PDB file of N, CA and C in Angstrom:
ATOM      1  N   MET A   1      11.548-129.946 -69.158  1.00  0.00           N
ATOM      2  CA  MET A   1      11.347-128.519 -69.111  1.00  0.00           C
ATOM      3  C   MET A   1      10.483-128.224 -67.895  1.00  0.00           C
ATOM      4  N   GLY A   2      10.802-127.165 -67.201  1.00  0.00           N
ATOM      5  CA  GLY A   2      10.062-126.797 -66.020  1.00  0.00           C
ATOM      6  C   GLY A   2       8.707-126.206 -66.349  1.00  0.00           C
ATOM      7  N   TRP A   3       7.858-126.165 -65.352  1.00  0.00           N
ATOM      8  CA  TRP A   3       6.493-125.683 -65.584  1.00  0.00           C
ATOM      9  C   TRP A   3       6.460-124.197 -65.918  1.00  0.00           C
ATOM     10  N   ILE A   4       7.416-123.436 -65.434  1.00  0.00           N
ATOM     11  CA  ILE A   4       7.466-122.013 -65.788  1.00  0.00           C
ATOM     12  C   ILE A   4       7.803-121.853 -67.271  1.00  0.00           C
ATOM     13  N   ALA A   5       8.717-122.671 -67.762  1.00  0.00           N
ATOM     14  CA  ALA A   5       9.064-122.618 -69.182  1.00  0.00           C
ATOM     15  C   ALA A   5       7.881-123.040 -70.044  1.00  0.00           C
ATOM     16  N   TRP A   6       7.076-124.023 -69.570  1.00  0.00           N
ATOM     17  CA  TRP A   6       5.871-124.423 -70.302  1.00  0.00           C
ATOM     18  C   TRP A   6       4.882-123.275 -70.382  1.00  0.00           C
ATOM     19  N   ILE A   7       4.731-122.535 -69.309  1.00  0.00           N
ATOM     20  CA  ILE A   7       3.807-121.399 -69.307  1.00  0.00           C
ATOM     21  C   ILE A   7       4.291-120.313 -70.257  1.00  0.00           C
ATOM     22  N   ILE A   8       5.588-120.038 -70.242  1.00  0.00           N
ATOM     23  CA  ILE A   8       6.143-119.015 -71.136  1.00  0.00           C
ATOM     24  C   ILE A   8       6.018-119.452 -72.588  1.00  0.00           C
ATOM     25  N   LEU A   9       6.434-120.686 -72.894  1.00  0.00           N
ATOM     26  CA  LEU A   9       6.326-121.204 -74.258  1.00  0.00           C
ATOM     27  C   LEU A   9       4.876-121.235 -74.705  1.00  0.00           C
ATOM     28  N   GLY A  10       3.977-121.700 -73.827  1.00  0.00           N
ATOM     29  CA  GLY A  10       2.560-121.754 -74.162  1.00  0.00           C
ATOM     30  C   GLY A  10       1.963-120.381 -74.394  1.00  0.00           C
ATOM     31  N   GLY A  11       2.339-119.425 -73.558  1.00  0.00           N
ATOM     32  CA  GLY A  11       1.827-118.063 -73.713  1.00  0.00           C
ATOM     33  C   GLY A  11       2.253-117.432 -75.018  1.00  0.00           C
ATOM     34  N   VAL A  12       3.507-117.568 -75.370  1.00  0.00           N
ATOM     35  CA  VAL A  12       4.006-116.978 -76.616  1.00  0.00           C
ATOM     36  C   VAL A  12       3.425-117.703 -77.826  1.00  0.00           C
ATOM     37  N   ALA A  13       3.389-119.041 -77.770  1.00  0.00           N
ATOM     38  CA  ALA A  13       2.827-119.811 -78.887  1.00  0.00           C
ATOM     39  C   ALA A  13       1.340-119.508 -79.050  1.00  0.00           C
ATOM     40  N   GLY A  14       0.612-119.423 -77.951  1.00  0.00           N
ATOM     41  CA  GLY A  14      -0.813-119.099 -78.019  1.00  0.00           C
ATOM     42  C   GLY A  14      -1.063-117.703 -78.541  1.00  0.00           C
ATOM     43  N   TRP A  15      -0.220-116.756 -78.133  1.00  0.00           N
ATOM     44  CA  TRP A  15      -0.364-115.383 -78.608  1.00  0.00           C
ATOM     45  C   TRP A  15      -0.119-115.305 -80.116  1.00  0.00           C
ATOM     46  N   ILE A  16       0.930-115.971 -80.596  1.00  0.00           N
ATOM     47  CA  ILE A  16       1.220-115.970 -82.038  1.00  0.00           C
ATOM     48  C   ILE A  16       0.085-116.644 -82.801  1.00  0.00           C
ATOM     49  N   ALA A  17      -0.414-117.758 -82.263  1.00  0.00           N
ATOM     50  CA  ALA A  17      -1.517-118.455 -82.921  1.00  0.00           C
ATOM     51  C   ALA A  17      -2.780-117.599 -82.949  1.00  0.00           C
ATOM     52  N   SER A  18      -3.037-116.867 -81.869  1.00  0.00           N
ATOM     53  CA  SER A  18      -4.224-116.002 -81.856  1.00  0.00           C
ATOM     54  C   SER A  18      -4.074-114.836 -82.822  1.00  0.00           C
ATOM     55  N   MET A  19      -2.858-114.386 -83.048  1.00  0.00           N
ATOM     56  CA  MET A  19      -2.628-113.343 -84.049  1.00  0.00           C
ATOM     57  C   MET A  19      -2.848-113.903 -85.458  1.00  0.00           C
ATOM     58  N   ILE A  20      -2.404-115.135 -85.697  1.00  0.00           N
ATOM     59  CA  ILE A  20      -2.564-115.754 -87.013  1.00  0.00           C
ATOM     60  C   ILE A  20      -4.040-115.976 -87.325  1.00  0.00           C
ATOM     61  N   THR A  21      -4.803-116.447 -86.340  1.00  0.00           N
ATOM     62  CA  THR A  21      -6.218-116.760 -86.555  1.00  0.00           C
ATOM     63  C   THR A  21      -7.134-115.572 -86.272  1.00  0.00           C
ATOM     64  N   ARG A  22      -6.562-114.434 -85.952  1.00  0.00           N
ATOM     65  CA  ARG A  22      -7.295-113.188 -85.670  1.00  0.00           C
ATOM     66  C   ARG A  22      -8.262-113.314 -84.498  1.00  0.00           C
ATOM     67  N   ASN A  23      -7.829-114.046 -83.473  1.00  0.00           N
ATOM     68  CA  ASN A  23      -8.611-114.199 -82.249  1.00  0.00           C
ATOM     69  C   ASN A  23      -8.064-113.359 -81.118  1.00  0.00           C
ATOM     70  N   ASN A  24      -7.083-112.551 -81.368  1.00  0.00           N
ATOM     71  CA  ASN A  24      -6.396-111.837 -80.298  1.00  0.00           C
ATOM     72  C   ASN A  24      -7.324-110.895 -79.542  1.00  0.00           C
ATOM     73  N   ASP A  25      -8.376-110.387 -80.187  1.00  0.00           N
ATOM     74  CA  ASP A  25      -9.321-109.495 -79.514  1.00  0.00           C
ATOM     75  C   ASP A  25     -10.063-110.213 -78.391  1.00  0.00           C
ATOM     76  N   ARG A  26     -10.388-111.475 -78.626  1.00  0.00           N
ATOM     77  CA  ARG A  26     -11.176-112.251 -77.662  1.00  0.00           C
ATOM     78  C   ARG A  26     -10.320-113.011 -76.662  1.00  0.00           C
ATOM     79  N   MET A  27      -9.036-113.129 -76.936  1.00  0.00           N
ATOM     80  CA  MET A  27      -8.156-113.938 -76.089  1.00  0.00           C
ATOM     81  C   MET A  27      -7.476-113.044 -75.061  1.00  0.00           C
ATOM     82  N   GLY A  28      -7.402-113.515 -73.862  1.00  0.00           N
ATOM     83  CA  GLY A  28      -6.647-112.831 -72.829  1.00  0.00           C
ATOM     84  C   GLY A  28      -5.340-113.563 -72.587  1.00  0.00           C
ATOM     85  N   LEU A  29      -4.618-113.149 -71.605  1.00  0.00           N
ATOM     86  CA  LEU A  29      -3.340-113.770 -71.274  1.00  0.00           C
ATOM     87  C   LEU A  29      -3.521-115.241 -70.937  1.00  0.00           C
ATOM     88  N   PHE A  30      -4.482-115.543 -70.074  1.00  0.00           N
ATOM     89  CA  PHE A  30      -4.687-116.930 -69.670  1.00  0.00           C
ATOM     90  C   PHE A  30      -5.215-117.786 -70.814  1.00  0.00           C
ATOM     91  N   GLY A  31      -6.024-117.204 -71.682  1.00  0.00           N
ATOM     92  CA  GLY A  31      -6.495-117.924 -72.866  1.00  0.00           C
ATOM     93  C   GLY A  31      -5.351-118.278 -73.799  1.00  0.00           C
ATOM     94  N   ASN A  32      -4.436-117.332 -73.997  1.00  0.00           N
ATOM     95  CA  ASN A  32      -3.273-117.594 -74.838  1.00  0.00           C
ATOM     96  C   ASN A  32      -2.400-118.691 -74.244  1.00  0.00           C
ATOM     97  N   ILE A  33      -2.179-118.635 -72.947  1.00  0.00           N
ATOM     98  CA  ILE A  33      -1.350-119.650 -72.286  1.00  0.00           C
ATOM     99  C   ILE A  33      -2.002-121.023 -72.415  1.00  0.00           C
ATOM    100  N   LEU A  34      -3.302-121.089 -72.144  1.00  0.00           N
ATOM    101  CA  LEU A  34      -4.016-122.363 -72.202  1.00  0.00           C
ATOM    102  C   LEU A  34      -4.006-122.944 -73.612  1.00  0.00           C
ATOM    103  N   VAL A  35      -4.311-122.119 -74.603  1.00  0.00           N
ATOM    104  CA  VAL A  35      -4.323-122.592 -75.988  1.00  0.00           C
ATOM    105  C   VAL A  35      -2.921-123.007 -76.423  1.00  0.00           C
ATOM    106  N   GLY A  36      -1.920-122.263 -76.007  1.00  0.00           N
ATOM    107  CA  GLY A  36      -0.543-122.607 -76.368  1.00  0.00           C
ATOM    108  C   GLY A  36      -0.088-123.926 -75.770  1.00  0.00           C
ATOM    109  N   ILE A  37      -0.409-124.154 -74.507  1.00  0.00           N
ATOM    110  CA  ILE A  37      -0.011-125.410 -73.860  1.00  0.00           C
ATOM    111  C   ILE A  37      -0.777-126.579 -74.460  1.00  0.00           C
ATOM    112  N   LEU A  38      -2.089-126.420 -74.624  1.00  0.00           N
ATOM    113  CA  LEU A  38      -2.878-127.489 -75.248  1.00  0.00           C
ATOM    114  C   LEU A  38      -2.438-127.723 -76.690  1.00  0.00           C
ATOM    115  N   GLY A  39      -2.101-126.654 -77.392  1.00  0.00           N
ATOM    116  CA  GLY A  39      -1.602-126.775 -78.762  1.00  0.00           C
ATOM    117  C   GLY A  39      -0.280-127.508 -78.826  1.00  0.00           C
ATOM    118  N   ALA A  40       0.583-127.282 -77.836  1.00  0.00           N
ATOM    119  CA  ALA A  40       1.860-127.986 -77.793  1.00  0.00           C
ATOM    120  C   ALA A  40       1.644-129.486 -77.615  1.00  0.00           C
ATOM    121  N   PHE A  41       0.749-129.847 -76.710  1.00  0.00           N
ATOM    122  CA  PHE A  41       0.456-131.262 -76.509  1.00  0.00           C
ATOM    123  C   PHE A  41      -0.200-131.881 -77.739  1.00  0.00           C
ATOM    124  N   ALA A  42      -1.196-131.183 -78.308  1.00  0.00           N
ATOM    125  CA  ALA A  42      -1.894-131.702 -79.479  1.00  0.00           C
ATOM    126  C   ALA A  42      -0.964-131.796 -80.687  1.00  0.00           C
ATOM    127  N   GLY A  43      -0.165-130.761 -80.905  1.00  0.00           N
ATOM    128  CA  GLY A  43       0.776-130.770 -82.019  1.00  0.00           C
ATOM    129  C   GLY A  43       1.813-131.857 -81.884  1.00  0.00           C
ATOM    130  N   ASN A  44       2.341-132.048 -80.668  1.00  0.00           N
ATOM    131  CA  ASN A  44       3.324-133.094 -80.418  1.00  0.00           C
ATOM    132  C   ASN A  44       2.713-134.468 -80.665  1.00  0.00           C
ATOM    133  N   PHE A  45       1.485-134.668 -80.205  1.00  0.00           N
ATOM    134  CA  PHE A  45       0.804-135.941 -80.413  1.00  0.00           C
ATOM    135  C   PHE A  45       0.612-136.219 -81.902  1.00  0.00           C
ATOM    136  N   LEU A  46       0.138-135.214 -82.651  1.00  0.00           N
ATOM    137  CA  LEU A  46      -0.107-135.403 -84.081  1.00  0.00           C
ATOM    138  C   LEU A  46       1.169-135.654 -84.870  1.00  0.00           C
ATOM    139  N   VAL A  47       2.231-134.928 -84.548  1.00  0.00           N
ATOM    140  CA  VAL A  47       3.502-135.128 -85.257  1.00  0.00           C
ATOM    141  C   VAL A  47       4.040-136.524 -84.988  1.00  0.00           C
ATOM    142  N   ASN A  48       3.977-136.973 -83.740  1.00  0.00           N
ATOM    143  CA  ASN A  48       4.448-138.317 -83.419  1.00  0.00           C
ATOM    144  C   ASN A  48       3.556-139.386 -84.045  1.00  0.00           C
ATOM    145  N   LEU A  49       2.262-139.128 -84.148  1.00  0.00           N
ATOM    146  CA  LEU A  49       1.334-140.066 -84.767  1.00  0.00           C
ATOM    147  C   LEU A  49       1.587-140.173 -86.268  1.00  0.00           C
ATOM    148  N   ILE A  50       1.775-139.042 -86.922  1.00  0.00           N
ATOM    149  CA  ILE A  50       1.996-139.025 -88.370  1.00  0.00           C
ATOM    150  C   ILE A  50       3.365-139.600 -88.729  1.00  0.00           C
ATOM    151  N   SER A  51       4.385-139.214 -87.979  1.00  0.00           N
ATOM    152  CA  SER A  51       5.744-139.635 -88.319  1.00  0.00           C
ATOM    153  C   SER A  51       6.027-141.066 -87.880  1.00  0.00           C
ATOM    154  N   GLY A  52       5.309-141.557 -86.893  1.00  0.00           N
ATOM    155  CA  GLY A  52       5.547-142.911 -86.404  1.00  0.00           C
ATOM    156  C   GLY A  52       6.763-143.022 -85.514  1.00  0.00           C
ATOM    157  N   ALA A  53       7.396-141.913 -85.232  1.00  0.00           N
ATOM    158  CA  ALA A  53       8.581-141.908 -84.375  1.00  0.00           C
ATOM    159  C   ALA A  53       8.505-140.718 -83.445  1.00  0.00           C
ATOM    160  N   GLY A  54       9.352-140.707 -82.475  1.00  0.00           N
ATOM    161  CA  GLY A  54       9.391-139.609 -81.517  1.00  0.00           C
ATOM    162  C   GLY A  54      10.167-138.421 -82.056  1.00  0.00           C
ATOM    163  N   VAL A  55       9.684-137.815 -83.125  1.00  0.00           N
ATOM    164  CA  VAL A  55      10.360-136.668 -83.735  1.00  0.00           C
ATOM    165  C   VAL A  55      10.305-135.473 -82.803  1.00  0.00           C
ATOM    166  N   ALA A  56       9.132-135.201 -82.298  1.00  0.00           N
ATOM    167  CA  ALA A  56       8.950-134.049 -81.418  1.00  0.00           C
ATOM    168  C   ALA A  56       9.263-134.457 -79.990  1.00  0.00           C
ATOM    169  N   SER A  57       9.885-133.569 -79.287  1.00  0.00           N
ATOM    170  CA  SER A  57      10.216-133.829 -77.895  1.00  0.00           C
ATOM    171  C   SER A  57       9.554-132.766 -77.033  1.00  0.00           C
ATOM    172  N   PHE A  58       9.675-132.943 -75.741  1.00  0.00           N
ATOM    173  CA  PHE A  58       9.109-131.964 -74.828  1.00  0.00           C
ATOM    174  C   PHE A  58      10.157-130.955 -74.382  1.00  0.00           C
ATOM    175  N   GLY A  59      11.297-130.913 -75.048  1.00  0.00           N
ATOM    176  CA  GLY A  59      12.334-129.951 -74.723  1.00  0.00           C
ATOM    177  C   GLY A  59      12.009-128.589 -75.306  1.00  0.00           C
ATOM    178  N   PHE A  60      12.753-127.595 -74.899  1.00  0.00           N
ATOM    179  CA  PHE A  60      12.547-126.228 -75.365  1.00  0.00           C
ATOM    180  C   PHE A  60      13.496-125.976 -76.525  1.00  0.00           C
ATOM    181  N   ASN A  61      12.980-126.105 -77.763  1.00  0.00           N
ATOM    182  CA  ASN A  61      13.773-125.839 -78.954  1.00  0.00           C
ATOM    183  C   ASN A  61      12.867-125.284 -80.041  1.00  0.00           C
ATOM    184  N   LEU A  62      13.425-124.946 -81.169  1.00  0.00           N
ATOM    185  CA  LEU A  62      12.658-124.326 -82.246  1.00  0.00           C
ATOM    186  C   LEU A  62      11.591-125.267 -82.792  1.00  0.00           C
ATOM    187  N   THR A  63      11.922-126.549 -82.932  1.00  0.00           N
ATOM    188  CA  THR A  63      10.956-127.517 -83.445  1.00  0.00           C
ATOM    189  C   THR A  63       9.729-127.599 -82.544  1.00  0.00           C
ATOM    190  N   THR A  64       9.956-127.690 -81.248  1.00  0.00           N
ATOM    191  CA  THR A  64       8.855-127.758 -80.297  1.00  0.00           C
ATOM    192  C   THR A  64       8.018-126.481 -80.341  1.00  0.00           C
ATOM    193  N   PHE A  65       8.668-125.346 -80.487  1.00  0.00           N
ATOM    194  CA  PHE A  65       7.963-124.069 -80.544  1.00  0.00           C
ATOM    195  C   PHE A  65       7.080-123.991 -81.782  1.00  0.00           C
ATOM    196  N   ILE A  66       7.597-124.409 -82.927  1.00  0.00           N
ATOM    197  CA  ILE A  66       6.812-124.395 -84.169  1.00  0.00           C
ATOM    198  C   ILE A  66       5.642-125.366 -84.069  1.00  0.00           C
ATOM    199  N   ILE A  67       5.878-126.538 -83.475  1.00  0.00           N
ATOM    200  CA  ILE A  67       4.806-127.513 -83.295  1.00  0.00           C
ATOM    201  C   ILE A  67       3.737-126.957 -82.359  1.00  0.00           C
ATOM    202  N   ALA A  68       4.150-126.252 -81.310  1.00  0.00           N
ATOM    203  CA  ALA A  68       3.189-125.648 -80.376  1.00  0.00           C
ATOM    204  C   ALA A  68       2.340-124.596 -81.075  1.00  0.00           C
ATOM    205  N   ILE A  69       2.950-123.778 -81.897  1.00  0.00           N
ATOM    206  CA  ILE A  69       2.196-122.766 -82.648  1.00  0.00           C
ATOM    207  C   ILE A  69       1.221-123.440 -83.609  1.00  0.00           C
ATOM    208  N   GLY A  70       1.695-124.450 -84.322  1.00  0.00           N
ATOM    209  CA  GLY A  70       0.829-125.163 -85.259  1.00  0.00           C
ATOM    210  C   GLY A  70      -0.350-125.828 -84.569  1.00  0.00           C
ATOM    211  N   GLY A  71      -0.089-126.469 -83.438  1.00  0.00           N
ATOM    212  CA  GLY A  71      -1.170-127.099 -82.689  1.00  0.00           C
ATOM    213  C   GLY A  71      -2.160-126.085 -82.160  1.00  0.00           C
ATOM    214  N   ALA A  72      -1.675-124.943 -81.696  1.00  0.00           N
ATOM    215  CA  ALA A  72      -2.558-123.888 -81.198  1.00  0.00           C
ATOM    216  C   ALA A  72      -3.395-123.290 -82.324  1.00  0.00           C
ATOM    217  N   VAL A  73      -2.797-123.129 -83.499  1.00  0.00           N
ATOM    218  CA  VAL A  73      -3.551-122.613 -84.654  1.00  0.00           C
ATOM    219  C   VAL A  73      -4.670-123.585 -85.009  1.00  0.00           C
ATOM    220  N   VAL A  74      -4.368-124.877 -85.029  1.00  0.00           N
ATOM    221  CA  VAL A  74      -5.395-125.877 -85.344  1.00  0.00           C
ATOM    222  C   VAL A  74      -6.516-125.829 -84.310  1.00  0.00           C
ATOM    223  N   LEU A  75      -6.165-125.750 -83.023  1.00  0.00           N
ATOM    224  CA  LEU A  75      -7.186-125.666 -81.984  1.00  0.00           C
ATOM    225  C   LEU A  75      -8.057-124.421 -82.142  1.00  0.00           C
ATOM    226  N   LEU A  76      -7.448-123.289 -82.450  1.00  0.00           N
ATOM    227  CA  LEU A  76      -8.216-122.056 -82.625  1.00  0.00           C
ATOM    228  C   LEU A  76      -9.093-122.100 -83.874  1.00  0.00           C
ATOM    229  N   LEU A  77      -8.624-122.736 -84.933  1.00  0.00           N
ATOM    230  CA  LEU A  77      -9.445-122.873 -86.133  1.00  0.00           C
ATOM    231  C   LEU A  77     -10.653-123.756 -85.862  1.00  0.00           C
ATOM    232  N   ILE A  78     -10.453-124.830 -85.114  1.00  0.00           N
ATOM    233  CA  ILE A  78     -11.573-125.689 -84.723  1.00  0.00           C
ATOM    234  C   ILE A  78     -12.542-124.910 -83.842  1.00  0.00           C
ATOM    235  N   PHE A  79     -12.012-124.142 -82.896  1.00  0.00           N
ATOM    236  CA  PHE A  79     -12.852-123.322 -82.026  1.00  0.00           C
ATOM    237  C   PHE A  79     -13.673-122.322 -82.830  1.00  0.00           C
ATOM    238  N   ASN A  80     -13.038-121.650 -83.802  1.00  0.00           N
ATOM    239  CA  ASN A  80     -13.750-120.687 -84.652  1.00  0.00           C
ATOM    240  C   ASN A  80     -14.836-121.372 -85.470  1.00  0.00           C
ATOM    241  N   TRP A  81     -14.540-122.549 -85.994  1.00  0.00           N
ATOM    242  CA  TRP A  81     -15.506-123.285 -86.798  1.00  0.00           C
ATOM    243  C   TRP A  81     -16.713-123.682 -85.944  1.00  0.00           C
ATOM    244  N   LEU A  82     -16.462-124.189 -84.738  1.00  0.00           N
ATOM    245  CA  LEU A  82     -17.560-124.570 -83.848  1.00  0.00           C
ATOM    246  C   LEU A  82     -18.384-123.362 -83.422  1.00  0.00           C
ATOM    247  N   ARG A  83     -17.730-122.253 -83.223  1.00  0.00           N
ATOM    248  CA  ARG A  83     -18.423-121.035 -82.809  1.00  0.00           C
ATOM    249  C   ARG A  83     -19.338-120.503 -83.915  1.00  0.00           C
ATOM    250  N   LYS A  84     -18.887-120.614 -85.161  1.00  0.00           N
ATOM    251  CA  LYS A  84     -19.700-120.143 -86.290  1.00  0.00           C
ATOM    252  C   LYS A  84     -20.894-121.054 -86.543  1.00  0.00           C
ATOM    253  N   ARG A  85     -20.800-122.310 -86.173  1.00  0.00           N
ATOM    254  CA  ARG A  85     -21.905-123.238 -86.375  1.00  0.00           C
ATOM    255  C   ARG A  85     -23.064-122.932 -85.453  1.00  0.00           C
ATOM    256  N   ARG A  86     -22.807-122.285 -84.347  1.00  0.00           N
ATOM    257  CA  ARG A  86     -23.866-121.956 -83.386  1.00  0.00           C
ATOM    258  C   ARG A  86     -24.655-120.853 -83.925  1.00  0.00           C
TER     259      ARG A  86
END
């Protein structure tokens, strides 16, 4: 997948994740893109670690999109938890 598609997928996944975790007020466009891309990598890593096989791929499909959203939600929940501890 090209880098433009990663930015688009990351932006949409990050935006959906920020809506789920109610962080959309604090997140900007670049924050959503960053969280979405990092969430895609983290989610893909966790799914492959748990499943023991290469279930998730780096292609642009529904499975990858759902994994990216899930990974971004987990990252935002961790961020919220760390922020509340301060």
